[in-house]
Amino acid sequence: MSIDRRSFLQGTALTGLALSSPSLLLAQSKEPLRLGLMTVKTGPLASGGIDMERALQMYIAERDGMLAGRKVELTVADTGGVPANAKSKMTELFERNKIQALIGPLAAYEALAVDDYIREKKIPTLSVAAAEDMTQRKTSPWFVRGTSTSAQCAHPMADYCAKIMKYKRMIVIADDIAYGHEMTGGFQRVFEENGGKIVQKLFPPLTVPDYGSFLAQLKSADAIFLGFAGSNGFRFIRQFNEYGLKGKMAIIGGMTALDEGVLKNMGDEALGIQTACWYSAELNNPINNKFSPAFRKQFGYDPGFYAAATYVEAAVLENALMAVGGDANNKEGLMAALRKTNIPSARGPVSFDSYGNVVGDVYIRKVERKDGRLVNTVTKTYTNVSQFWTYDPKAFLANPVYSRDFPPAKNLES
């Protein structure tokens, strides 16, 4: 697949910050900032990948094509969601397009595929992918993540299901990829530590054409937790209802199961479903109060996880670039500045732990209808959520990474 090049023209007006900062004025005379975006524009993850590109372009356009006093040259790479493509696209971005920083990739398995190359070439990377170990047991000095790990929102969702919803028996179902394994592993751990039982675990292939065989297997439970990405959550819920299962158990979603990007294609079947995520288009803060309506006006639907991901990552990158006077060639200084980030953003406050992963709020959301459209209304906020939840980091890291097999499933019913 080809890589699309998109260059943003330099604005004529300097920002107030640039006017007050000689280092940023100096940066304006330098070459453009060469920024790469690795995303997915085809396949089941395409709806999210397209939103990543749209929001990043929007952030840069709002600043007249500039970040920290530098004209931006953005190059977008589409992996198609295929792991084998991630490495070749990463190589192309760096060697042909000479990128100085990367936002992305989207999927956990893509981040794992390009990890060694990013380390070798020392490419400052702001990841959207949620691969747990990239900021845990295998931390990279060139990697930060302003979104979340796979389980970072699943931990509080499990706490909520056990303590607030009082569920005792649950099923988990997720895409059969690292993201799905890690998310459901974190959910299972917290839910069972709070007295609940995971009685069934199902992992359909990412590109499964039909969920019928999985729906036919479902056991009796209070609720089912969906760990799907892209459009798969929408597809599962539609077939869940077609099989006459609506009302027989509650549907609970992970952070991308009912993303705003797919809510636009849903109807009343989504009403009342609760999910947990680090973002909602309904968040009431000064930055999101501008971003969310502007995105909706431009594209006709609300921004969700994927759009907010690149919009937030771009803000983090711009803040760090300002700290180094716009000098993206100062890789070590840029990475140090990224890890010291502590800023407000569209998702709320953003800071980083010593492993390069975000510490931020997580929101319990409920699908409601507002002004004729479906929205994820925030009903509860868990503040300052770490990737380690309430666990001691050293004790947490002494365990294996979350997977299909960890934590052990002791309550499965045959």
Protein backbone atom coordinates (compact mmCIF):
# COMPACT_ATOMS: atom_id res chain seq x y z
CA MET A 1 0.00 0.00 0.00
CA SER A 2 1.21 3.45 -0.80
CA ILE A 3 1.91 6.16 1.71
CA ASP A 4 -0.04 9.39 1.29
CA ARG A 5 1.94 12.58 1.77
CA ARG A 6 0.12 15.58 3.14
CA SER A 7 1.96 18.85 3.60
CA PHE A 8 0.45 21.67 5.58
CA LEU A 9 1.24 25.23 4.47
CA GLN A 10 2.86 27.54 6.94
CA GLY A 11 0.53 30.12 8.44
CA THR A 12 1.40 33.79 8.15
CA ALA A 13 0.59 34.64 11.76
CA LEU A 14 2.77 33.57 14.68
CA THR A 15 1.16 32.30 17.83
CA GLY A 16 1.36 34.44 20.92
CA LEU A 17 3.75 31.91 22.44
CA ALA A 18 6.07 32.04 19.45
CA LEU A 19 6.14 35.81 19.58
CA SER A 20 7.32 35.68 23.17
CA SER A 21 9.88 32.90 22.66
CA PRO A 22 13.12 33.50 20.72
CA SER A 23 13.68 29.75 20.52
CA LEU A 24 10.38 29.27 18.72
CA LEU A 25 11.07 32.20 16.42
CA LEU A 26 14.37 30.56 15.57
CA ALA A 27 12.59 27.26 14.91
CA GLN A 28 10.47 28.95 12.24
CA SER A 29 13.49 29.39 10.01
CA LYS A 30 14.34 25.70 10.18
CA GLU A 31 13.21 22.88 7.95
CA PRO A 32 9.65 21.54 8.36
CA LEU A 33 8.85 19.13 11.18
CA ARG A 34 8.54 15.75 9.50
CA LEU A 35 5.80 13.90 11.37
CA GLY A 36 4.60 10.39 10.61
CA LEU A 37 1.20 8.88 11.36
CA MET A 38 0.86 5.10 11.24
CA THR A 39 -2.81 4.18 11.07
CA VAL A 40 -5.32 1.74 9.53
CA LYS A 41 -7.58 2.84 6.67
CA THR A 42 -8.79 -0.51 5.36
CA GLY A 43 -10.22 -3.60 7.09
CA PRO A 44 -12.22 -3.96 10.33
CA LEU A 45 -10.17 -1.32 12.17
CA ALA A 46 -10.53 1.27 9.42
CA SER A 47 -13.24 3.39 11.05
CA GLY A 48 -10.92 4.14 13.97
CA GLY A 49 -7.86 4.59 11.80
CA ILE A 50 -9.59 7.14 9.61
CA ASP A 51 -10.65 9.06 12.72
CA MET A 52 -7.01 9.10 13.86
CA GLU A 53 -6.00 10.82 10.65
CA ARG A 54 -8.90 13.26 10.64
CA ALA A 55 -8.30 14.48 14.18
CA LEU A 56 -4.56 14.85 13.71
CA GLN A 57 -5.06 16.87 10.55
CA MET A 58 -7.62 18.95 12.39
CA TYR A 59 -5.22 19.70 15.26
CA ILE A 60 -2.49 20.84 12.89
CA ALA A 61 -4.88 22.83 10.70
CA GLU A 62 -6.16 24.69 13.78
CA ARG A 63 -2.59 25.91 14.22
CA ASP A 64 -2.19 27.01 10.61
CA GLY A 65 -0.08 23.99 9.77
CA MET A 66 2.39 24.62 12.59
CA LEU A 67 3.54 22.88 15.75
CA ALA A 68 5.77 24.77 18.16
CA GLY A 69 6.80 27.26 15.50
CA ARG A 70 7.57 24.60 12.88
CA LYS A 71 5.74 24.03 9.63
CA VAL A 72 4.48 20.44 9.67
CA GLU A 73 4.97 17.92 6.89
CA LEU A 74 2.69 15.00 7.75
CA THR A 75 3.08 11.60 6.11
CA VAL A 76 0.32 9.04 6.64
CA ALA A 77 0.96 5.30 6.38
CA ASP A 78 -1.87 2.77 6.12
CA THR A 79 -0.96 -0.68 7.44
CA GLY A 80 -4.35 -2.17 6.62
CA GLY A 81 -4.32 -3.65 10.11
CA VAL A 82 -1.96 -6.37 8.87
CA PRO A 83 0.98 -7.07 11.22
CA ALA A 84 3.35 -7.86 8.36
CA ASN A 85 2.74 -4.40 6.91
CA ALA A 86 3.62 -2.50 10.07
CA LYS A 87 7.39 -3.06 9.85
CA SER A 88 7.60 -2.20 6.14
CA LYS A 89 5.53 0.96 6.61
CA MET A 90 7.67 1.99 9.58
CA THR A 91 10.83 1.50 7.53
CA GLU A 92 9.37 3.53 4.69
CA LEU A 93 8.33 6.37 6.98
CA PHE A 94 11.80 6.65 8.47
CA GLU A 95 14.07 5.92 5.51
CA ARG A 96 12.11 7.49 2.65
CA ASN A 97 10.17 10.23 4.42
CA LYS A 98 12.81 10.96 7.09
CA ILE A 99 10.23 11.39 9.85
CA GLN A 100 11.46 12.93 13.10
CA ALA A 101 8.57 11.70 15.26
CA LEU A 102 5.77 9.16 14.96
CA ILE A 103 2.18 9.11 16.19
CA GLY A 104 0.70 5.60 16.17
CA PRO A 105 0.37 2.80 15.37
CA LEU A 106 -3.22 1.87 16.10
CA ALA A 107 -3.07 -1.81 17.06
CA ALA A 108 -1.14 -3.52 19.86
CA TYR A 109 0.29 -6.14 17.53
CA GLU A 110 1.57 -3.39 15.24
CA ALA A 111 3.36 -1.65 18.12
CA LEU A 112 5.02 -4.92 19.05
CA ALA A 113 6.05 -5.49 15.44
CA VAL A 114 7.86 -2.14 15.12
CA ASP A 115 9.29 -1.96 18.64
CA ASP A 116 12.79 -3.17 17.73
CA TYR A 117 13.01 -0.82 14.75
CA ILE A 118 11.91 2.20 16.80
CA ARG A 119 14.56 1.39 19.40
CA GLU A 120 17.27 0.87 16.77
CA LYS A 121 16.55 4.11 14.90
CA LYS A 122 15.67 6.10 18.04
CA ILE A 123 12.36 7.40 16.72
CA PRO A 124 10.34 9.44 19.26
CA THR A 125 6.99 7.64 19.26
CA LEU A 126 3.64 8.64 20.73
CA SER A 127 1.60 5.47 20.61
CA VAL A 128 -2.12 4.95 20.24
CA ALA A 129 -1.69 1.18 20.49
CA ALA A 130 -2.44 -0.24 23.90
CA ALA A 131 0.17 -3.04 24.08
CA GLU A 132 0.73 -3.48 27.81
CA ASP A 133 4.39 -4.47 27.91
CA MET A 134 5.54 -1.51 25.84
CA THR A 135 5.24 0.55 29.03
CA GLN A 136 5.71 -2.24 31.54
CA ARG A 137 8.24 -5.07 31.37
CA LYS A 138 9.79 -3.98 28.06
CA THR A 139 9.84 -0.21 28.36
CA SER A 140 11.44 1.72 25.54
CA PRO A 141 13.24 5.06 25.94
CA TRP A 142 11.62 6.13 22.64
CA PHE A 143 8.01 5.33 23.45
CA VAL A 144 5.28 7.19 25.36
CA ARG A 145 1.54 6.61 25.34
CA GLY A 146 -1.06 9.30 26.04
CA THR A 147 -4.08 7.01 25.57
CA SER A 148 -4.02 3.91 27.82
CA THR A 149 -2.86 0.33 28.05
CA SER A 150 -5.32 -2.39 27.03
CA ALA A 151 -6.42 -3.00 30.63
CA GLN A 152 -6.18 0.52 32.03
CA CYS A 153 -9.88 1.19 31.52
CA ALA A 154 -10.90 -2.45 32.07
CA HIS A 155 -9.66 -2.37 35.66
CA PRO A 156 -12.11 0.37 36.80
CA MET A 157 -14.88 -1.12 34.63
CA ALA A 158 -14.51 -4.41 36.51
CA ASP A 159 -14.48 -2.54 39.83
CA TYR A 160 -17.70 -0.81 38.77
CA CYS A 161 -19.37 -4.06 37.67
CA ALA A 162 -18.56 -5.79 40.94
CA LYS A 163 -19.15 -2.96 43.42
CA ILE A 164 -21.81 -0.77 41.79
CA MET A 165 -23.69 -3.10 39.44
CA LYS A 166 -23.32 -6.03 41.87
CA TYR A 167 -22.77 -8.53 39.06
CA LYS A 168 -21.66 -11.97 40.22
CA ARG A 169 -21.35 -13.97 36.99
CA MET A 170 -19.92 -12.54 33.79
CA ILE A 171 -18.73 -13.65 30.36
CA VAL A 172 -15.90 -11.94 28.48
CA ILE A 173 -15.62 -11.94 24.70
CA ALA A 174 -12.96 -10.11 22.71
CA ASP A 175 -11.05 -10.04 19.44
CA ASP A 176 -8.41 -12.78 19.36
CA ILE A 177 -5.50 -10.32 19.34
CA ALA A 178 -3.16 -8.99 22.03
CA TYR A 179 -5.48 -6.05 22.74
CA GLY A 180 -8.44 -8.33 23.42
CA HIS A 181 -6.42 -10.76 25.52
CA GLU A 182 -4.89 -8.03 27.68
CA MET A 183 -8.12 -6.11 28.18
CA THR A 184 -10.12 -9.13 29.28
CA GLY A 185 -7.25 -10.34 31.45
CA GLY A 186 -7.26 -7.08 33.39
CA PHE A 187 -11.04 -7.13 33.64
CA GLN A 188 -11.05 -10.72 34.92
CA ARG A 189 -8.42 -10.01 37.56
CA VAL A 190 -10.21 -7.09 39.20
CA PHE A 191 -13.70 -8.57 38.83
CA GLU A 192 -12.73 -11.85 40.46
CA GLU A 193 -10.69 -10.19 43.19
CA ASN A 194 -13.88 -8.36 44.11
CA GLY A 195 -15.95 -11.54 44.43
CA GLY A 196 -17.21 -12.04 40.89
CA LYS A 197 -16.74 -15.04 38.61
CA ILE A 198 -15.80 -15.12 34.93
CA VAL A 199 -17.66 -18.22 33.80
CA GLN A 200 -16.75 -18.10 30.10
CA LYS A 201 -14.05 -16.58 27.88
CA LEU A 202 -14.47 -16.38 24.10
CA PHE A 203 -12.02 -15.02 21.49
CA PRO A 204 -13.42 -14.76 17.95
CA PRO A 205 -10.93 -13.99 15.15
CA LEU A 206 -10.58 -10.27 14.41
CA THR A 207 -12.08 -10.74 10.94
CA VAL A 208 -14.74 -13.35 11.80
CA PRO A 209 -17.60 -12.93 9.31
CA ASP A 210 -20.33 -14.03 11.73
CA TYR A 211 -20.66 -14.37 15.51
CA GLY A 212 -23.39 -17.01 15.37
CA SER A 213 -21.29 -19.92 16.58
CA PHE A 214 -20.09 -17.86 19.57
CA LEU A 215 -23.57 -16.59 20.45
CA ALA A 216 -24.84 -20.18 20.44
CA GLN A 217 -22.26 -21.05 23.12
CA LEU A 218 -23.13 -18.32 25.61
CA LYS A 219 -23.80 -19.52 29.15
CA SER A 220 -26.12 -17.97 31.69
CA ALA A 221 -24.62 -14.82 33.23
CA ASP A 222 -25.50 -11.42 34.66
CA ALA A 223 -23.58 -9.59 31.95
CA ILE A 224 -21.15 -9.97 29.07
CA PHE A 225 -18.06 -7.77 28.70
CA LEU A 226 -17.12 -6.86 25.11
CA GLY A 227 -13.45 -6.33 24.32
CA PHE A 228 -13.89 -5.51 20.64
CA ALA A 229 -12.20 -2.88 18.47
CA GLY A 230 -13.26 -1.10 15.30
CA SER A 231 -16.73 -2.02 14.07
CA ASN A 232 -16.80 -5.46 15.70
CA GLY A 233 -18.69 -4.32 18.79
CA PHE A 234 -21.50 -2.97 16.61
CA ARG A 235 -21.62 -6.21 14.61
CA PHE A 236 -21.72 -8.38 17.73
CA ILE A 237 -24.52 -6.40 19.40
CA ARG A 238 -26.63 -6.50 16.24
CA GLN A 239 -26.31 -10.29 16.04
CA PHE A 240 -26.77 -10.63 19.83
CA ASN A 241 -30.20 -9.05 19.43
CA GLU A 242 -31.02 -11.05 16.31
CA TYR A 243 -30.43 -14.22 18.33
CA GLY A 244 -33.04 -13.08 20.85
CA LEU A 245 -30.57 -12.48 23.65
CA LYS A 246 -31.47 -8.88 24.40
CA GLY A 247 -32.60 -8.56 28.01
CA LYS A 248 -31.25 -11.96 29.01
CA MET A 249 -27.94 -10.49 30.14
CA ALA A 250 -26.54 -6.97 30.28
CA ILE A 251 -23.92 -5.80 27.78
CA ILE A 252 -20.87 -4.03 29.20
CA GLY A 253 -18.19 -2.61 26.91
CA GLY A 254 -14.49 -1.96 26.91
CA MET A 255 -13.07 1.35 25.75
CA THR A 256 -13.57 0.80 21.99
CA ALA A 257 -16.63 -1.48 21.95
CA LEU A 258 -19.10 1.37 21.44
CA ASP A 259 -16.84 4.08 20.13
CA GLU A 260 -18.57 7.23 18.91
CA GLY A 261 -17.32 6.38 15.42
CA VAL A 262 -19.58 3.30 15.35
CA LEU A 263 -22.44 4.71 17.46
CA LYS A 264 -23.36 6.80 14.45
CA ASN A 265 -24.39 3.57 12.68
CA MET A 266 -26.45 2.19 15.58
CA GLY A 267 -30.01 2.62 16.79
CA ASP A 268 -31.99 1.95 19.93
CA GLU A 269 -30.20 -1.37 20.46
CA ALA A 270 -27.27 0.61 21.92
CA LEU A 271 -29.32 2.57 24.46
CA GLY A 272 -28.37 1.93 28.08
CA ILE A 273 -25.16 0.03 27.34
CA GLN A 274 -22.35 1.03 29.70
CA THR A 275 -18.69 1.24 28.73
CA ALA A 276 -15.45 2.52 30.25
CA CYS A 277 -13.01 4.76 28.40
CA TRP A 278 -10.54 7.57 29.01
CA TYR A 279 -12.57 9.82 26.69
CA SER A 280 -16.13 10.78 25.78
CA ALA A 281 -17.26 13.37 23.28
CA GLU A 282 -19.58 14.55 26.09
CA LEU A 283 -16.74 15.54 28.43
CA ASN A 284 -17.15 19.03 29.83
CA ASN A 285 -13.76 20.72 29.82
CA PRO A 286 -12.57 23.83 27.96
CA ILE A 287 -10.51 21.98 25.34
CA ASN A 288 -13.08 19.30 24.57
CA ASN A 289 -15.85 21.88 24.48
CA LYS A 290 -14.12 23.24 21.38
CA PHE A 291 -12.76 20.01 19.90
CA SER A 292 -15.88 17.84 20.04
CA PRO A 293 -18.35 20.29 18.39
CA ALA A 294 -15.75 21.27 15.78
CA PHE A 295 -15.10 17.63 14.85
CA ARG A 296 -18.85 16.93 14.70
CA LYS A 297 -19.43 19.98 12.51
CA GLN A 298 -16.68 18.99 10.08
CA PHE A 299 -17.32 15.25 9.84
CA GLY A 300 -20.96 14.83 10.86
CA TYR A 301 -20.45 12.66 13.95
CA ASP A 302 -18.87 12.81 17.39
CA PRO A 303 -15.16 12.13 17.97
CA GLY A 304 -14.38 9.00 19.92
CA PHE A 305 -11.40 7.02 21.22
CA TYR A 306 -9.41 7.09 17.98
CA ALA A 307 -9.99 10.74 17.11
CA ALA A 308 -9.26 11.87 20.66
CA ALA A 309 -6.14 9.70 20.68
CA THR A 310 -4.28 11.63 17.99
CA TYR A 311 -5.70 14.98 19.09
CA VAL A 312 -4.32 14.38 22.59
CA GLU A 313 -1.03 12.92 21.35
CA ALA A 314 -0.54 15.97 19.11
CA ALA A 315 -1.03 18.25 22.12
CA VAL A 316 1.52 16.25 24.10
CA LEU A 317 3.99 16.42 21.21
CA GLU A 318 3.52 20.16 20.74
CA ASN A 319 4.07 20.80 24.44
CA ALA A 320 7.31 18.79 24.39
CA LEU A 321 8.51 20.48 21.21
CA MET A 322 8.01 23.88 22.80
CA ALA A 323 10.18 22.73 25.71
CA VAL A 324 13.07 22.02 23.28
CA GLY A 325 12.59 25.15 21.18
CA GLY A 326 10.99 23.22 18.32
CA ASP A 327 14.17 21.22 17.75
CA ALA A 328 12.91 17.74 16.80
CA ASN A 329 16.49 16.65 16.09
CA ASN A 330 17.17 16.87 19.83
CA LYS A 331 15.76 13.38 20.31
CA GLU A 332 16.90 12.83 23.88
CA GLY A 333 15.65 16.26 24.95
CA LEU A 334 12.33 15.70 23.18
CA MET A 335 11.78 12.34 24.87
CA ALA A 336 12.65 13.80 28.28
CA ALA A 337 10.15 16.60 27.67
CA LEU A 338 7.46 14.15 26.56
CA ARG A 339 7.80 12.16 29.78
CA LYS A 340 7.57 15.35 31.87
CA THR A 341 4.31 16.41 30.22
CA ASN A 342 1.60 17.61 32.58
CA ILE A 343 -1.10 19.43 30.64
CA PRO A 344 -4.87 19.76 30.30
CA SER A 345 -6.24 18.11 27.17
CA ALA A 346 -9.46 17.08 25.47
CA ARG A 347 -9.49 13.94 27.65
CA GLY A 348 -8.75 15.83 30.86
CA PRO A 349 -5.45 16.09 32.76
CA VAL A 350 -2.50 14.23 31.20
CA SER A 351 0.72 13.27 32.93
CA PHE A 352 3.04 10.27 32.65
CA ASP A 353 4.42 7.66 35.00
CA SER A 354 8.09 6.71 35.08
CA TYR A 355 7.43 4.02 32.46
CA GLY A 356 6.15 6.49 29.84
CA ASN A 357 2.45 5.65 30.18
CA VAL A 358 -0.30 8.14 30.81
CA VAL A 359 -1.93 8.70 34.17
CA GLY A 360 -5.40 10.14 33.63
CA ASP A 361 -9.10 9.93 34.33
CA VAL A 362 -11.28 7.00 33.22
CA TYR A 363 -14.99 7.50 32.65
CA ILE A 364 -17.93 5.13 33.04
CA ARG A 365 -20.29 6.01 30.21
CA LYS A 366 -23.88 5.14 29.30
CA VAL A 367 -25.35 5.34 25.80
CA GLU A 368 -28.18 7.86 25.67
CA ARG A 369 -29.93 9.84 22.95
CA LYS A 370 -29.20 13.56 22.76
CA ASP A 371 -30.37 15.95 20.05
CA GLY A 372 -31.29 13.01 17.86
CA ARG A 373 -27.94 11.21 18.10
CA LEU A 374 -26.48 8.53 20.34
CA VAL A 375 -23.87 9.73 22.84
CA ASN A 376 -21.72 8.25 25.61
CA THR A 377 -22.88 10.19 28.66
CA VAL A 378 -20.42 10.18 31.56
CA THR A 379 -21.97 8.77 34.74
CA LYS A 380 -18.90 8.23 36.94
CA THR A 381 -15.25 9.29 36.89
CA TYR A 382 -12.29 7.35 38.25
CA THR A 383 -9.55 9.96 38.68
CA ASN A 384 -5.80 9.62 38.12
CA VAL A 385 -5.94 6.03 36.94
CA SER A 386 -2.55 4.38 36.47
CA GLN A 387 -1.76 1.44 34.22
CA PHE A 388 -1.12 -0.45 37.47
CA TRP A 389 -4.60 0.34 38.87
CA THR A 390 -4.30 0.10 42.67
CA TYR A 391 -1.51 -2.46 42.60
CA ASP A 392 2.09 -1.88 43.60
CA PRO A 393 4.02 -1.53 40.31
CA LYS A 394 6.81 -3.91 41.33
CA ALA A 395 4.34 -6.58 42.41
CA PHE A 396 2.30 -6.01 39.24
CA LEU A 397 5.34 -6.42 37.00
CA ALA A 398 6.43 -9.59 38.79
CA ASN A 399 3.43 -11.31 37.13
CA PRO A 400 3.23 -12.22 33.45
CA VAL A 401 1.64 -9.76 31.03
CA TYR A 402 -2.13 -10.20 30.72
CA SER A 403 -2.97 -12.84 28.13
CA ARG A 404 -5.47 -15.55 27.24
CA ASP A 405 -3.97 -17.61 30.05
CA PHE A 406 -3.14 -15.00 32.69
CA PRO A 407 -4.65 -14.55 35.10
CA PRO A 408 -5.67 -18.22 35.30
CA ALA A 409 -9.39 -18.74 34.70
CA LYS A 410 -10.48 -20.71 37.78
CA ASN A 411 -14.24 -20.29 37.42
CA LEU A 412 -14.90 -21.37 33.84
CA GLU A 413 -17.89 -23.63 33.37
CA SER A 414 -17.78 -26.47 30.86
